[in-house]
PDB file of all heavy atoms in Angstrom:
ATOM      1  N   GLU A   1     -15.843  -9.728   6.913  1.00  0.00           N
ATOM      2  CA  GLU A   1     -16.696 -10.250   7.932  1.00  0.00           C
ATOM      3  C   GLU A   1     -17.281  -9.111   8.781  1.00  0.00           C
ATOM      4  O   GLU A   1     -16.819  -7.983   8.833  1.00  0.00           O
ATOM      5  CB  GLU A   1     -16.088 -11.337   8.617  1.00  0.00           C
ATOM      6  CG  GLU A   1     -15.449 -12.485   7.852  1.00  0.00           C
ATOM      7  CD  GLU A   1     -14.859 -13.486   8.746  1.00  0.00           C
ATOM      8  OE1 GLU A   1     -14.418 -13.145   9.873  1.00  0.00           O
ATOM      9  OE2 GLU A   1     -14.688 -14.727   8.338  1.00  0.00           O
ATOM     10  N   GLY A   2     -18.301  -9.528   9.603  1.00  0.00           N
ATOM     11  CA  GLY A   2     -18.766  -8.748  10.689  1.00  0.00           C
ATOM     12  C   GLY A   2     -19.990  -7.977  10.261  1.00  0.00           C
ATOM     13  O   GLY A   2     -20.474  -7.877   9.040  1.00  0.00           O
ATOM     14  N   PRO A   3     -20.567  -7.228  11.215  1.00  0.00           N
ATOM     15  CA  PRO A   3     -21.886  -6.506  10.957  1.00  0.00           C
ATOM     16  C   PRO A   3     -21.716  -5.339   9.984  1.00  0.00           C
ATOM     17  O   PRO A   3     -22.730  -4.779   9.503  1.00  0.00           O
ATOM     18  CB  PRO A   3     -22.185  -5.997  12.275  1.00  0.00           C
ATOM     19  CG  PRO A   3     -20.933  -5.935  13.077  1.00  0.00           C
ATOM     20  CD  PRO A   3     -20.098  -7.108  12.533  1.00  0.00           C
ATOM     21  N   PHE A   4     -20.457  -4.880   9.692  1.00  0.00           N
ATOM     22  CA  PHE A   4     -20.370  -3.776   8.777  1.00  0.00           C
ATOM     23  C   PHE A   4     -19.644  -4.198   7.456  1.00  0.00           C
ATOM     24  O   PHE A   4     -19.098  -3.338   6.749  1.00  0.00           O
ATOM     25  CB  PHE A   4     -19.436  -2.616   9.426  1.00  0.00           C
ATOM     26  CG  PHE A   4     -20.159  -2.117  10.749  1.00  0.00           C
ATOM     27  CD1 PHE A   4     -19.723  -2.510  11.869  1.00  0.00           C
ATOM     28  CD2 PHE A   4     -21.254  -1.335  10.532  1.00  0.00           C
ATOM     29  CE1 PHE A   4     -20.378  -2.081  13.009  1.00  0.00           C
ATOM     30  CE2 PHE A   4     -21.993  -0.886  11.733  1.00  0.00           C
ATOM     31  CZ  PHE A   4     -21.446  -1.253  12.918  1.00  0.00           C
ATOM     32  N   SER A   5     -19.758  -5.475   7.097  1.00  0.00           N
ATOM     33  CA  SER A   5     -19.127  -6.005   5.922  1.00  0.00           C
ATOM     34  C   SER A   5     -19.767  -5.384   4.582  1.00  0.00           C
ATOM     35  O   SER A   5     -19.040  -4.949   3.697  1.00  0.00           O
ATOM     36  CB  SER A   5     -19.156  -7.481   5.801  1.00  0.00           C
ATOM     37  OG  SER A   5     -20.488  -7.866   5.951  1.00  0.00           O
ATOM     38  N   ASP A   6     -21.016  -5.140   4.673  1.00  0.00           N
ATOM     39  CA  ASP A   6     -21.672  -4.540   3.465  1.00  0.00           C
ATOM     40  C   ASP A   6     -21.272  -3.116   3.319  1.00  0.00           C
ATOM     41  O   ASP A   6     -21.010  -2.657   2.145  1.00  0.00           O
ATOM     42  CB  ASP A   6     -23.200  -4.687   3.677  1.00  0.00           C
ATOM     43  CG  ASP A   6     -23.968  -4.044   2.450  1.00  0.00           C
ATOM     44  OD1 ASP A   6     -23.825  -4.541   1.326  1.00  0.00           O
ATOM     45  OD2 ASP A   6     -24.660  -3.038   2.640  1.00  0.00           O
ATOM     46  N   ALA A   7     -21.125  -2.376   4.362  1.00  0.00           N
ATOM     47  CA  ALA A   7     -20.676  -1.078   4.284  1.00  0.00           C
ATOM     48  C   ALA A   7     -19.319  -0.968   3.719  1.00  0.00           C
ATOM     49  O   ALA A   7     -18.959  -0.046   2.872  1.00  0.00           O
ATOM     50  CB  ALA A   7     -20.719  -0.370   5.751  1.00  0.00           C
ATOM     51  N   ILE A   8     -18.405  -1.779   4.189  1.00  0.00           N
ATOM     52  CA  ILE A   8     -16.975  -1.789   3.639  1.00  0.00           C
ATOM     53  C   ILE A   8     -17.075  -2.100   2.179  1.00  0.00           C
ATOM     54  O   ILE A   8     -16.311  -1.458   1.336  1.00  0.00           O
ATOM     55  CB  ILE A   8     -16.053  -2.830   4.375  1.00  0.00           C
ATOM     56  CG1 ILE A   8     -15.990  -2.437   5.851  1.00  0.00           C
ATOM     57  CG2 ILE A   8     -14.841  -3.051   3.730  1.00  0.00           C
ATOM     58  CD1 ILE A   8     -15.153  -1.078   6.092  1.00  0.00           C
ATOM     59  N   ARG A   9     -17.829  -3.133   1.766  1.00  0.00           N
ATOM     60  CA  ARG A   9     -17.849  -3.416   0.299  1.00  0.00           C
ATOM     61  C   ARG A   9     -18.417  -2.237  -0.433  1.00  0.00           C
ATOM     62  O   ARG A   9     -18.002  -1.969  -1.702  1.00  0.00           O
ATOM     63  CB  ARG A   9     -18.683  -4.620   0.123  1.00  0.00           C
ATOM     64  CG  ARG A   9     -18.047  -5.939   0.593  1.00  0.00           C
ATOM     65  CD  ARG A   9     -18.922  -7.183   0.216  1.00  0.00           C
ATOM     66  NE  ARG A   9     -18.247  -8.385   0.566  1.00  0.00           N
ATOM     67  CZ  ARG A   9     -18.679  -8.957   1.700  1.00  0.00           C
ATOM     68  NH1 ARG A   9     -19.679  -8.617   2.305  1.00  0.00           N
ATOM     69  NH2 ARG A   9     -18.028 -10.093   2.061  1.00  0.00           N
ATOM     70  N   ARG A  10     -19.320  -1.401   0.091  1.00  0.00           N
ATOM     71  CA  ARG A  10     -19.941  -0.417  -0.746  1.00  0.00           C
ATOM     72  C   ARG A  10     -19.060   0.818  -0.815  1.00  0.00           C
ATOM     73  O   ARG A  10     -19.151   1.535  -1.833  1.00  0.00           O
ATOM     74  CB  ARG A  10     -21.276   0.077  -0.028  1.00  0.00           C
ATOM     75  CG  ARG A  10     -22.359  -0.914  -0.142  1.00  0.00           C
ATOM     76  CD  ARG A  10     -23.526  -0.560   0.819  1.00  0.00           C
ATOM     77  NE  ARG A  10     -24.066   0.742   0.255  1.00  0.00           N
ATOM     78  CZ  ARG A  10     -25.015   1.365   0.815  1.00  0.00           C
ATOM     79  NH1 ARG A  10     -25.379   0.955   2.101  1.00  0.00           N
ATOM     80  NH2 ARG A  10     -25.535   2.469   0.386  1.00  0.00           N
ATOM     81  N   VAL A  11     -18.152   1.040   0.042  1.00  0.00           N
ATOM     82  CA  VAL A  11     -17.218   2.223  -0.016  1.00  0.00           C
ATOM     83  C   VAL A  11     -15.914   1.986  -0.630  1.00  0.00           C
ATOM     84  O   VAL A  11     -15.221   2.945  -1.136  1.00  0.00           O
ATOM     85  CB  VAL A  11     -17.055   2.988   1.370  1.00  0.00           C
ATOM     86  CG1 VAL A  11     -18.402   3.397   1.913  1.00  0.00           C
ATOM     87  CG2 VAL A  11     -16.281   2.044   2.333  1.00  0.00           C
ATOM     88  N   VAL A  12     -15.386   0.817  -0.652  1.00  0.00           N
ATOM     89  CA  VAL A  12     -14.149   0.480  -1.290  1.00  0.00           C
ATOM     90  C   VAL A  12     -14.344   0.560  -2.900  1.00  0.00           C
ATOM     91  O   VAL A  12     -15.185  -0.163  -3.344  1.00  0.00           O
ATOM     92  CB  VAL A  12     -13.512  -0.779  -0.905  1.00  0.00           C
ATOM     93  CG1 VAL A  12     -12.234  -1.166  -1.741  1.00  0.00           C
ATOM     94  CG2 VAL A  12     -13.140  -0.748   0.633  1.00  0.00           C
ATOM     95  N   ARG A  13     -13.656   1.328  -3.608  1.00  0.00           N
ATOM     96  CA  ARG A  13     -13.931   1.587  -4.961  1.00  0.00           C
ATOM     97  C   ARG A  13     -12.827   1.167  -5.859  1.00  0.00           C
ATOM     98  O   ARG A  13     -11.598   1.403  -5.423  1.00  0.00           O
ATOM     99  CB  ARG A  13     -14.166   3.097  -5.139  1.00  0.00           C
ATOM    100  CG  ARG A  13     -14.326   3.474  -6.566  1.00  0.00           C
ATOM    101  CD  ARG A  13     -14.516   4.959  -6.591  1.00  0.00           C
ATOM    102  NE  ARG A  13     -14.698   5.506  -7.941  1.00  0.00           N
ATOM    103  CZ  ARG A  13     -14.711   6.748  -8.258  1.00  0.00           C
ATOM    104  NH1 ARG A  13     -14.669   7.679  -7.248  1.00  0.00           N
ATOM    105  NH2 ARG A  13     -14.934   7.171  -9.493  1.00  0.00           N
ATOM    106  N   VAL A  14     -13.110   0.682  -6.970  1.00  0.00           N
ATOM    107  CA  VAL A  14     -12.130   0.264  -8.056  1.00  0.00           C
ATOM    108  C   VAL A  14     -12.069   1.183  -9.195  1.00  0.00           C
ATOM    109  O   VAL A  14     -13.136   1.496  -9.815  1.00  0.00           O
ATOM    110  CB  VAL A  14     -12.265  -1.151  -8.523  1.00  0.00           C
ATOM    111  CG1 VAL A  14     -11.280  -1.602  -9.525  1.00  0.00           C
ATOM    112  CG2 VAL A  14     -12.331  -2.143  -7.378  1.00  0.00           C
ATOM    113  N   ARG A  15     -10.917   1.720  -9.405  1.00  0.00           N
ATOM    114  CA  ARG A  15     -10.712   2.588 -10.580  1.00  0.00           C
ATOM    115  C   ARG A  15      -9.901   1.851 -11.672  1.00  0.00           C
ATOM    116  O   ARG A  15      -8.801   1.372 -11.328  1.00  0.00           O
ATOM    117  CB  ARG A  15      -9.932   3.892 -10.362  1.00  0.00           C
ATOM    118  CG  ARG A  15     -10.613   4.861  -9.327  1.00  0.00           C
ATOM    119  CD  ARG A  15      -9.559   5.925  -9.053  1.00  0.00           C
ATOM    120  NE  ARG A  15     -10.074   6.916  -8.077  1.00  0.00           N
ATOM    121  CZ  ARG A  15     -10.431   8.184  -8.459  1.00  0.00           C
ATOM    122  NH1 ARG A  15     -10.320   8.433  -9.736  1.00  0.00           N
ATOM    123  NH2 ARG A  15     -10.815   9.015  -7.699  1.00  0.00           N
ATOM    124  N   GLY A  16     -10.447   1.782 -12.844  1.00  0.00           N
ATOM    125  CA  GLY A  16      -9.729   1.106 -13.851  1.00  0.00           C
ATOM    126  C   GLY A  16      -9.925  -0.415 -13.893  1.00  0.00           C
ATOM    127  O   GLY A  16     -10.915  -0.856 -13.300  1.00  0.00           O
ATOM    128  N   GLU A  17      -9.038  -1.133 -14.433  1.00  0.00           N
ATOM    129  CA  GLU A  17      -9.282  -2.736 -14.653  1.00  0.00           C
ATOM    130  C   GLU A  17      -8.221  -3.361 -13.879  1.00  0.00           C
ATOM    131  O   GLU A  17      -6.989  -3.328 -14.236  1.00  0.00           O
ATOM    132  CB  GLU A  17      -9.316  -2.969 -16.107  1.00  0.00           C
ATOM    133  CG  GLU A  17      -9.683  -4.455 -16.472  1.00  0.00           C
ATOM    134  CD  GLU A  17      -9.773  -4.607 -17.917  1.00  0.00           C
ATOM    135  OE1 GLU A  17     -10.658  -3.993 -18.558  1.00  0.00           O
ATOM    136  OE2 GLU A  17      -9.098  -5.509 -18.422  1.00  0.00           O
ATOM    137  N   VAL A  18      -8.607  -4.201 -12.898  1.00  0.00           N
ATOM    138  CA  VAL A  18      -7.628  -4.961 -12.172  1.00  0.00           C
ATOM    139  C   VAL A  18      -7.635  -6.369 -12.871  1.00  0.00           C
ATOM    140  O   VAL A  18      -8.508  -7.121 -12.881  1.00  0.00           O
ATOM    141  CB  VAL A  18      -8.082  -5.091 -10.701  1.00  0.00           C
ATOM    142  CG1 VAL A  18      -7.188  -6.100  -9.976  1.00  0.00           C
ATOM    143  CG2 VAL A  18      -8.111  -3.851 -10.039  1.00  0.00           C
ATOM    144  N   ALA A  19      -6.406  -6.670 -13.491  1.00  0.00           N
ATOM    145  CA  ALA A  19      -6.272  -7.874 -14.159  1.00  0.00           C
ATOM    146  C   ALA A  19      -5.081  -8.595 -13.524  1.00  0.00           C
ATOM    147  O   ALA A  19      -3.971  -8.236 -13.761  1.00  0.00           O
ATOM    148  CB  ALA A  19      -5.984  -7.635 -15.678  1.00  0.00           C
ATOM    149  N   ILE A  20      -5.445  -9.530 -12.675  1.00  0.00           N
ATOM    150  CA  ILE A  20      -4.349 -10.245 -11.947  1.00  0.00           C
ATOM    151  C   ILE A  20      -4.751 -11.813 -11.952  1.00  0.00           C
ATOM    152  O   ILE A  20      -5.841 -12.130 -11.745  1.00  0.00           O
ATOM    153  CB  ILE A  20      -4.310  -9.642 -10.550  1.00  0.00           C
ATOM    154  CG1 ILE A  20      -3.022 -10.124  -9.777  1.00  0.00           C
ATOM    155  CG2 ILE A  20      -5.569  -9.837  -9.762  1.00  0.00           C
ATOM    156  CD1 ILE A  20      -2.690  -9.408  -8.604  1.00  0.00           C
ATOM    157  N   ASP A  21      -3.709 -12.529 -12.138  1.00  0.00           N
ATOM    158  CA  ASP A  21      -3.836 -13.972 -12.168  1.00  0.00           C
ATOM    159  C   ASP A  21      -2.603 -14.526 -11.575  1.00  0.00           C
ATOM    160  O   ASP A  21      -1.725 -15.036 -12.295  1.00  0.00           O
ATOM    161  CB  ASP A  21      -4.033 -14.468 -13.629  1.00  0.00           C
ATOM    162  CG  ASP A  21      -4.256 -16.045 -13.559  1.00  0.00           C
ATOM    163  OD1 ASP A  21      -4.597 -16.559 -12.415  1.00  0.00           O
ATOM    164  OD2 ASP A  21      -4.144 -16.580 -14.631  1.00  0.00           O
ATOM    165  N   VAL A  22      -2.418 -14.481 -10.269  1.00  0.00           N
ATOM    166  CA  VAL A  22      -1.123 -15.005  -9.538  1.00  0.00           C
ATOM    167  C   VAL A  22      -1.597 -15.695  -8.370  1.00  0.00           C
ATOM    168  O   VAL A  22      -2.607 -15.640  -7.805  1.00  0.00           O
ATOM    169  CB  VAL A  22      -0.297 -13.650  -9.251  1.00  0.00           C
ATOM    170  CG1 VAL A  22       0.063 -12.965 -10.465  1.00  0.00           C
ATOM    171  CG2 VAL A  22      -0.986 -12.743  -8.258  1.00  0.00           C
ATOM    172  N   SER A  23      -0.505 -16.409  -7.864  1.00  0.00           N
ATOM    173  CA  SER A  23      -0.680 -17.047  -6.504  1.00  0.00           C
ATOM    174  C   SER A  23       0.200 -16.422  -5.505  1.00  0.00           C
ATOM    175  O   SER A  23       0.166 -16.666  -4.387  1.00  0.00           O
ATOM    176  CB  SER A  23      -0.303 -18.483  -6.621  1.00  0.00           C
ATOM    177  OG  SER A  23       1.072 -18.658  -7.066  1.00  0.00           O
ATOM    178  N   ALA A  24       1.071 -15.512  -6.034  1.00  0.00           N
ATOM    179  CA  ALA A  24       2.107 -14.799  -5.153  1.00  0.00           C
ATOM    180  C   ALA A  24       2.093 -13.291  -5.474  1.00  0.00           C
ATOM    181  O   ALA A  24       1.852 -12.903  -6.519  1.00  0.00           O
ATOM    182  CB  ALA A  24       3.608 -15.358  -5.292  1.00  0.00           C
ATOM    183  N   ILE A  25       2.216 -12.450  -4.343  1.00  0.00           N
ATOM    184  CA  ILE A  25       2.170 -11.020  -4.442  1.00  0.00           C
ATOM    185  C   ILE A  25       3.296 -10.437  -3.732  1.00  0.00           C
ATOM    186  O   ILE A  25       3.574 -10.837  -2.568  1.00  0.00           O
ATOM    187  CB  ILE A  25       0.780 -10.470  -3.921  1.00  0.00           C
ATOM    188  CG1 ILE A  25      -0.348 -10.771  -4.932  1.00  0.00           C
ATOM    189  CG2 ILE A  25       0.938  -8.978  -3.474  1.00  0.00           C
ATOM    190  CD1 ILE A  25      -1.665 -10.234  -4.374  1.00  0.00           C
ATOM    191  N   THR A  26       3.931  -9.426  -4.342  1.00  0.00           N
ATOM    192  CA  THR A  26       4.871  -8.558  -3.660  1.00  0.00           C
ATOM    193  C   THR A  26       4.242  -7.255  -3.350  1.00  0.00           C
ATOM    194  O   THR A  26       3.689  -6.621  -4.243  1.00  0.00           O
ATOM    195  CB  THR A  26       6.242  -8.314  -4.464  1.00  0.00           C
ATOM    196  OG1 THR A  26       6.865  -9.562  -4.657  1.00  0.00           O
ATOM    197  CG2 THR A  26       7.135  -7.388  -3.683  1.00  0.00           C
ATOM    198  N   LEU A  27       4.107  -6.899  -2.060  1.00  0.00           N
ATOM    199  CA  LEU A  27       3.433  -5.699  -1.663  1.00  0.00           C
ATOM    200  C   LEU A  27       4.579  -4.747  -1.405  1.00  0.00           C
ATOM    201  O   LEU A  27       5.437  -4.860  -0.560  1.00  0.00           O
ATOM    202  CB  LEU A  27       2.674  -5.989  -0.305  1.00  0.00           C
ATOM    203  CG  LEU A  27       1.975  -4.767   0.303  1.00  0.00           C
ATOM    204  CD1 LEU A  27       0.832  -4.443  -0.531  1.00  0.00           C
ATOM    205  CD2 LEU A  27       1.483  -5.239   1.631  1.00  0.00           C
ATOM    206  N   VAL A  28       4.622  -3.657  -2.153  1.00  0.00           N
ATOM    207  CA  VAL A  28       5.526  -2.554  -1.990  1.00  0.00           C
ATOM    208  C   VAL A  28       4.902  -1.318  -1.384  1.00  0.00           C
ATOM    209  O   VAL A  28       3.904  -0.678  -1.844  1.00  0.00           O
ATOM    210  CB  VAL A  28       6.070  -2.091  -3.368  1.00  0.00           C
ATOM    211  CG1 VAL A  28       7.147  -1.097  -3.239  1.00  0.00           C
ATOM    212  CG2 VAL A  28       6.592  -3.299  -4.086  1.00  0.00           C
ATOM    213  N   ASP A  29       5.285  -1.059  -0.106  1.00  0.00           N
ATOM    214  CA  ASP A  29       4.720   0.043   0.625  1.00  0.00           C
ATOM    215  C   ASP A  29       5.469   1.342   0.386  1.00  0.00           C
ATOM    216  O   ASP A  29       6.590   1.472   0.766  1.00  0.00           O
ATOM    217  CB  ASP A  29       4.793  -0.329   2.133  1.00  0.00           C
ATOM    218  CG  ASP A  29       3.940   0.607   3.053  1.00  0.00           C
ATOM    219  OD1 ASP A  29       3.444   1.648   2.543  1.00  0.00           O
ATOM    220  OD2 ASP A  29       3.668   0.319   4.251  1.00  0.00           O
ATOM    221  N   LEU A  30       4.727   2.265  -0.275  1.00  0.00           N
ATOM    222  CA  LEU A  30       5.385   3.526  -0.666  1.00  0.00           C
ATOM    223  C   LEU A  30       5.117   4.603   0.369  1.00  0.00           C
ATOM    224  O   LEU A  30       5.645   5.714   0.284  1.00  0.00           O
ATOM    225  CB  LEU A  30       4.696   4.091  -2.069  1.00  0.00           C
ATOM    226  CG  LEU A  30       4.897   3.121  -3.221  1.00  0.00           C
ATOM    227  CD1 LEU A  30       4.121   3.654  -4.314  1.00  0.00           C
ATOM    228  CD2 LEU A  30       6.312   2.920  -3.500  1.00  0.00           C
ATOM    229  N   ARG A  31       4.454   4.282   1.461  1.00  0.00           N
ATOM    230  CA  ARG A  31       3.993   5.317   2.348  1.00  0.00           C
ATOM    231  C   ARG A  31       5.188   5.644   3.367  1.00  0.00           C
ATOM    232  O   ARG A  31       6.140   4.956   3.572  1.00  0.00           O
ATOM    233  CB  ARG A  31       2.865   4.820   3.318  1.00  0.00           C
ATOM    234  CG  ARG A  31       1.544   4.486   2.659  1.00  0.00           C
ATOM    235  CD  ARG A  31       0.601   3.769   3.450  1.00  0.00           C
ATOM    236  NE  ARG A  31       1.153   2.460   4.014  1.00  0.00           N
ATOM    237  CZ  ARG A  31       0.548   1.848   4.950  1.00  0.00           C
ATOM    238  NH1 ARG A  31      -0.608   2.193   5.435  1.00  0.00           N
ATOM    239  NH2 ARG A  31       1.061   0.656   5.410  1.00  0.00           N
ATOM    240  N   ASP A  32       5.022   6.876   3.956  1.00  0.00           N
ATOM    241  CA  ASP A  32       5.935   7.389   5.082  1.00  0.00           C
ATOM    242  C   ASP A  32       5.624   6.484   6.261  1.00  0.00           C
ATOM    243  O   ASP A  32       4.617   5.742   6.377  1.00  0.00           O
ATOM    244  CB  ASP A  32       5.834   8.833   5.307  1.00  0.00           C
ATOM    245  CG  ASP A  32       6.301   9.675   4.138  1.00  0.00           C
ATOM    246  OD1 ASP A  32       7.321   9.226   3.597  1.00  0.00           O
ATOM    247  OD2 ASP A  32       5.674  10.589   3.828  1.00  0.00           O
ATOM    248  N   ARG A  33       6.445   6.642   7.289  1.00  0.00           N
ATOM    249  CA  ARG A  33       6.229   6.042   8.542  1.00  0.00           C
ATOM    250  C   ARG A  33       4.823   6.457   9.181  1.00  0.00           C
ATOM    251  O   ARG A  33       4.442   7.578   8.877  1.00  0.00           O
ATOM    252  CB  ARG A  33       7.296   6.300   9.598  1.00  0.00           C
ATOM    253  CG  ARG A  33       7.297   7.651  10.141  1.00  0.00           C
ATOM    254  CD  ARG A  33       8.380   7.879  11.254  1.00  0.00           C
ATOM    255  NE  ARG A  33       8.079   6.947  12.335  1.00  0.00           N
ATOM    256  CZ  ARG A  33       7.132   7.276  13.346  1.00  0.00           C
ATOM    257  NH1 ARG A  33       6.350   8.367  13.206  1.00  0.00           N
ATOM    258  NH2 ARG A  33       6.978   6.512  14.383  1.00  0.00           N
ATOM    259  N   PRO A  34       4.223   5.567   9.919  1.00  0.00           N
ATOM    260  CA  PRO A  34       2.834   6.003  10.495  1.00  0.00           C
ATOM    261  C   PRO A  34       2.976   7.217  11.400  1.00  0.00           C
ATOM    262  O   PRO A  34       4.088   7.443  11.933  1.00  0.00           O
ATOM    263  CB  PRO A  34       2.564   4.745  11.326  1.00  0.00           C
ATOM    264  CG  PRO A  34       3.329   3.645  10.758  1.00  0.00           C
ATOM    265  CD  PRO A  34       4.590   4.235  10.197  1.00  0.00           C
ATOM    266  N   THR A  35       2.034   8.000  11.443  1.00  0.00           N
ATOM    267  CA  THR A  35       2.023   9.174  12.284  1.00  0.00           C
ATOM    268  C   THR A  35       1.918   8.684  13.678  1.00  0.00           C
ATOM    269  O   THR A  35       1.412   7.629  14.056  1.00  0.00           O
ATOM    270  CB  THR A  35       0.887  10.163  12.000  1.00  0.00           C
ATOM    271  OG1 THR A  35      -0.378   9.547  12.244  1.00  0.00           O
ATOM    272  CG2 THR A  35       1.038  10.548  10.466  1.00  0.00           C
ATOM    273  N   PHE A  36       2.125   9.538  14.763  1.00  0.00           N
ATOM    274  CA  PHE A  36       1.904   9.329  15.998  1.00  0.00           C
ATOM    275  C   PHE A  36       0.380   8.993  16.393  1.00  0.00           C
ATOM    276  O   PHE A  36       0.073   8.284  17.280  1.00  0.00           O
ATOM    277  CB  PHE A  36       2.505  10.382  17.054  1.00  0.00           C
ATOM    278  CG  PHE A  36       3.967  10.401  17.130  1.00  0.00           C
ATOM    279  CD1 PHE A  36       4.750  11.415  16.715  1.00  0.00           C
ATOM    280  CD2 PHE A  36       4.584   9.306  17.735  1.00  0.00           C
ATOM    281  CE1 PHE A  36       6.111  11.357  16.869  1.00  0.00           C
ATOM    282  CE2 PHE A  36       5.996   9.304  17.992  1.00  0.00           C
ATOM    283  CZ  PHE A  36       6.731  10.314  17.457  1.00  0.00           C
TER     284      PHE A  36
END
């Protein structure tokens, strides 16, 4: 939403083929802790 929704849609990019048909997702965060 919001005044920059089009900009966000234009820069987020998909590589490969996303094939998902679910009602539940497990999100696994591989990142380190946030920086200061």
